[in-house]
C-alpha atoms as a PDB file:
ATOM      1  CA  GLN A   1     -14.313 -16.319   4.399  1.00  0.00           C
ATOM      2  CA  THR A   2     -14.930 -19.744   3.620  1.00  0.00           C
ATOM      3  CA  TRP A   3     -13.426 -21.784   0.752  1.00  0.00           C
ATOM      4  CA  ARG A   4     -13.791 -25.330  -0.526  1.00  0.00           C
ATOM      5  CA  CYS A   5     -10.679 -27.351   0.036  1.00  0.00           C
ATOM      6  CA  PRO A   6      -9.629 -28.876  -3.447  1.00  0.00           C
ATOM      7  CA  LYS A   7      -8.527 -31.934  -1.783  1.00  0.00           C
ATOM      8  CA  CYS A   8     -11.456 -33.045   0.430  1.00  0.00           C
ATOM      9  CA  ASN A   9     -14.084 -30.833  -0.962  1.00  0.00           C
ATOM     10  CA  ASP A  10     -15.181 -29.676   2.512  1.00  0.00           C
ATOM     11  CA  PHE A  11     -15.968 -26.033   3.196  1.00  0.00           C
ATOM     12  CA  ARG A  12     -13.032 -24.503   5.461  1.00  0.00           C
ATOM     13  CA  ASP A  13     -12.338 -21.265   7.124  1.00  0.00           C
ATOM     14  CA  GLY A  14      -9.778 -19.201   5.270  1.00  0.00           C
ATOM     15  CA  LYS A  15      -7.527 -16.339   5.354  1.00  0.00           C
ATOM     16  CA  GLN A  16      -6.096 -14.112   2.845  1.00  0.00           C
ATOM     17  CA  ASN A  17      -3.077 -12.138   3.077  1.00  0.00           C
ATOM     18  CA  MET A  18      -0.394 -10.500   0.886  1.00  0.00           C
ATOM     19  CA  ALA A  19       3.211  -9.984   1.801  1.00  0.00           C
ATOM     20  CA  LEU A  20       5.988  -8.116  -0.432  1.00  0.00           C
ATOM     21  CA  TRP A  21       8.875 -10.127  -1.661  1.00  0.00           C
ATOM     22  CA  ARG A  22      11.269  -7.155  -3.198  1.00  0.00           C
ATOM     23  CA  LEU A  23      11.049  -3.524  -2.392  1.00  0.00           C
ATOM     24  CA  PRO A  24      11.895  -0.745  -5.124  1.00  0.00           C
ATOM     25  CA  ASP A  25      14.640   1.549  -4.893  1.00  0.00           C
ATOM     26  CA  LEU A  26      11.935   4.424  -5.315  1.00  0.00           C
ATOM     27  CA  LEU A  27       8.595   3.907  -3.802  1.00  0.00           C
ATOM     28  CA  THR A  28       5.666   5.834  -5.141  1.00  0.00           C
ATOM     29  CA  ILE A  29       2.151   5.855  -3.421  1.00  0.00           C
ATOM     30  CA  HIS A  30      -0.865   6.959  -4.959  1.00  0.00           C
ATOM     31  CA  LEU A  31      -3.683   7.586  -2.825  1.00  0.00           C
ATOM     32  CA  LYS A  32      -7.191   7.772  -4.010  1.00  0.00           C
ATOM     33  CA  ARG A  33      -8.538  11.252  -2.989  1.00  0.00           C
ATOM     34  CA  PHE A  34     -11.746  11.346  -4.721  1.00  0.00           C
ATOM     35  CA  ASN A  35     -15.022   9.643  -3.839  1.00  0.00           C
ATOM     36  CA  CYS A  36     -17.566   8.747  -6.788  1.00  0.00           C
ATOM     37  CA  SER A  37     -21.093   7.511  -5.867  1.00  0.00           C
ATOM     38  CA  ALA A  38     -24.254   7.143  -7.954  1.00  0.00           C
ATOM     39  CA  ARG A  39     -25.557  10.553  -6.572  1.00  0.00           C
ATOM     40  CA  TRP A  40     -22.453  12.495  -6.413  1.00  0.00           C
ATOM     41  CA  ARG A  41     -18.694  13.032  -6.693  1.00  0.00           C
ATOM     42  CA  GLU A  42     -16.589  14.787  -4.185  1.00  0.00           C
ATOM     43  CA  LYS A  43     -13.034  15.106  -3.162  1.00  0.00           C
ATOM     44  CA  ILE A  44     -11.861  13.508   0.059  1.00  0.00           C
ATOM     45  CA  THR A  45     -10.633  16.131   2.582  1.00  0.00           C
ATOM     46  CA  THR A  46      -9.392  14.075   5.410  1.00  0.00           C
ATOM     47  CA  LYS A  47      -5.932  14.427   6.599  1.00  0.00           C
ATOM     48  CA  VAL A  48      -3.256  11.780   5.782  1.00  0.00           C
ATOM     49  CA  ASN A  49      -0.476  11.400   8.298  1.00  0.00           C
ATOM     50  CA  PHE A  50       2.595  10.141   6.724  1.00  0.00           C
ATOM     51  CA  PRO A  51       6.093   9.995   8.102  1.00  0.00           C
ATOM     52  CA  LEU A  52       8.721  12.379   6.549  1.00  0.00           C
ATOM     53  CA  THR A  53      11.351  10.050   7.123  1.00  0.00           C
ATOM     54  CA  GLY A  54      11.797   6.388   8.414  1.00  0.00           C
ATOM     55  CA  LEU A  55       8.924   4.780   6.626  1.00  0.00           C
ATOM     56  CA  ASP A  56       9.600   0.997   7.532  1.00  0.00           C
ATOM     57  CA  LEU A  57       8.066  -1.728   5.201  1.00  0.00           C
ATOM     58  CA  GLN A  58       9.721  -4.564   7.044  1.00  0.00           C
ATOM     59  CA  GLU A  59       6.657  -5.751   8.632  1.00  0.00           C
ATOM     60  CA  TRP A  60       4.862  -5.916   5.197  1.00  0.00           C
ATOM     61  CA  CYS A  61       7.645  -8.203   3.902  1.00  0.00           C
ATOM     62  CA  HIS A  62       7.488 -12.122   3.568  1.00  0.00           C
ATOM     63  CA  PHE A  63       9.569 -13.560   6.253  1.00  0.00           C
ATOM     64  CA  GLU A  64      11.620 -15.348   3.547  1.00  0.00           C
ATOM     65  CA  SER A  65      11.944 -12.120   1.273  1.00  0.00           C
ATOM     66  CA  PRO A  66      15.786 -11.330   0.174  1.00  0.00           C
ATOM     67  CA  VAL A  67      15.260  -7.919   1.785  1.00  0.00           C
ATOM     68  CA  LEU A  68      15.113  -9.331   5.313  1.00  0.00           C
ATOM     69  CA  GLN A  69      17.903 -11.871   4.824  1.00  0.00           C
ATOM     70  CA  GLU A  70      21.306 -10.787   6.467  1.00  0.00           C
ATOM     71  CA  GLY A  71      24.082 -10.345   4.372  1.00  0.00           C
ATOM     72  CA  ASN A  72      22.367  -8.321   1.766  1.00  0.00           C
ATOM     73  CA  PRO A  73      23.468  -4.779   2.037  1.00  0.00           C
ATOM     74  CA  GLY A  74      21.863  -3.398  -1.172  1.00  0.00           C
ATOM     75  CA  GLU A  75      18.356  -4.117   0.177  1.00  0.00           C
ATOM     76  CA  THR A  76      16.506  -1.659   2.569  1.00  0.00           C
ATOM     77  CA  CYS A  77      13.024  -1.534   3.977  1.00  0.00           C
ATOM     78  CA  THR A  78      13.088   2.078   4.860  1.00  0.00           C
ATOM     79  CA  TYR A  79      12.267   5.005   2.847  1.00  0.00           C
ATOM     80  CA  ASP A  80      12.143   9.010   3.406  1.00  0.00           C
ATOM     81  CA  LEU A  81       9.663  11.380   1.917  1.00  0.00           C
ATOM     82  CA  VAL A  82      11.110  13.234  -0.957  1.00  0.00           C
ATOM     83  CA  GLY A  83       7.918  14.848  -2.396  1.00  0.00           C
ATOM     84  CA  VAL A  84       4.219  15.415  -2.397  1.00  0.00           C
ATOM     85  CA  LEU A  85       2.091  16.161  -5.338  1.00  0.00           C
ATOM     86  CA  ASN A  86      -1.242  17.843  -4.108  1.00  0.00           C
ATOM     87  CA  HIS A  87      -4.450  18.854  -6.032  1.00  0.00           C
ATOM     88  CA  TYR A  88      -6.012  21.826  -5.543  1.00  0.00           C
ATOM     89  CA  GLY A  89      -9.647  22.371  -6.539  1.00  0.00           C
ATOM     90  CA  GLY A  90     -12.442  20.330  -6.846  1.00  0.00           C
ATOM     91  CA  MET A  91     -13.867  17.359  -9.212  1.00  0.00           C
ATOM     92  CA  THR A  92     -14.499  19.734 -12.136  1.00  0.00           C
ATOM     93  CA  GLY A  93     -11.288  21.409 -12.018  1.00  0.00           C
ATOM     94  CA  GLY A  94      -8.075  22.505 -10.310  1.00  0.00           C
ATOM     95  CA  HIS A  95      -4.290  22.350 -10.303  1.00  0.00           C
ATOM     96  CA  TYR A  96      -1.590  20.070  -9.291  1.00  0.00           C
END
């Protein structure tokens, strides 16, 4: 991806990234499981692999994040799965 440098006005190669600064006590992840296009709408049925215990988000945290600093006993990067909400049915109806 190229961008224009605000200092020299030259086009340069750029890289975008995102890192987490803090992590919540309770992490909720919502996966989009429906595909909508101009022609049709359908439910995505591919299997999702997710760890039941020990989901470690440390590699997604900024290296200066308070979560990664030593001497911060209240902060953790590891999560365990507590529950799953699953939709049974199609695009026109179903149950959770």
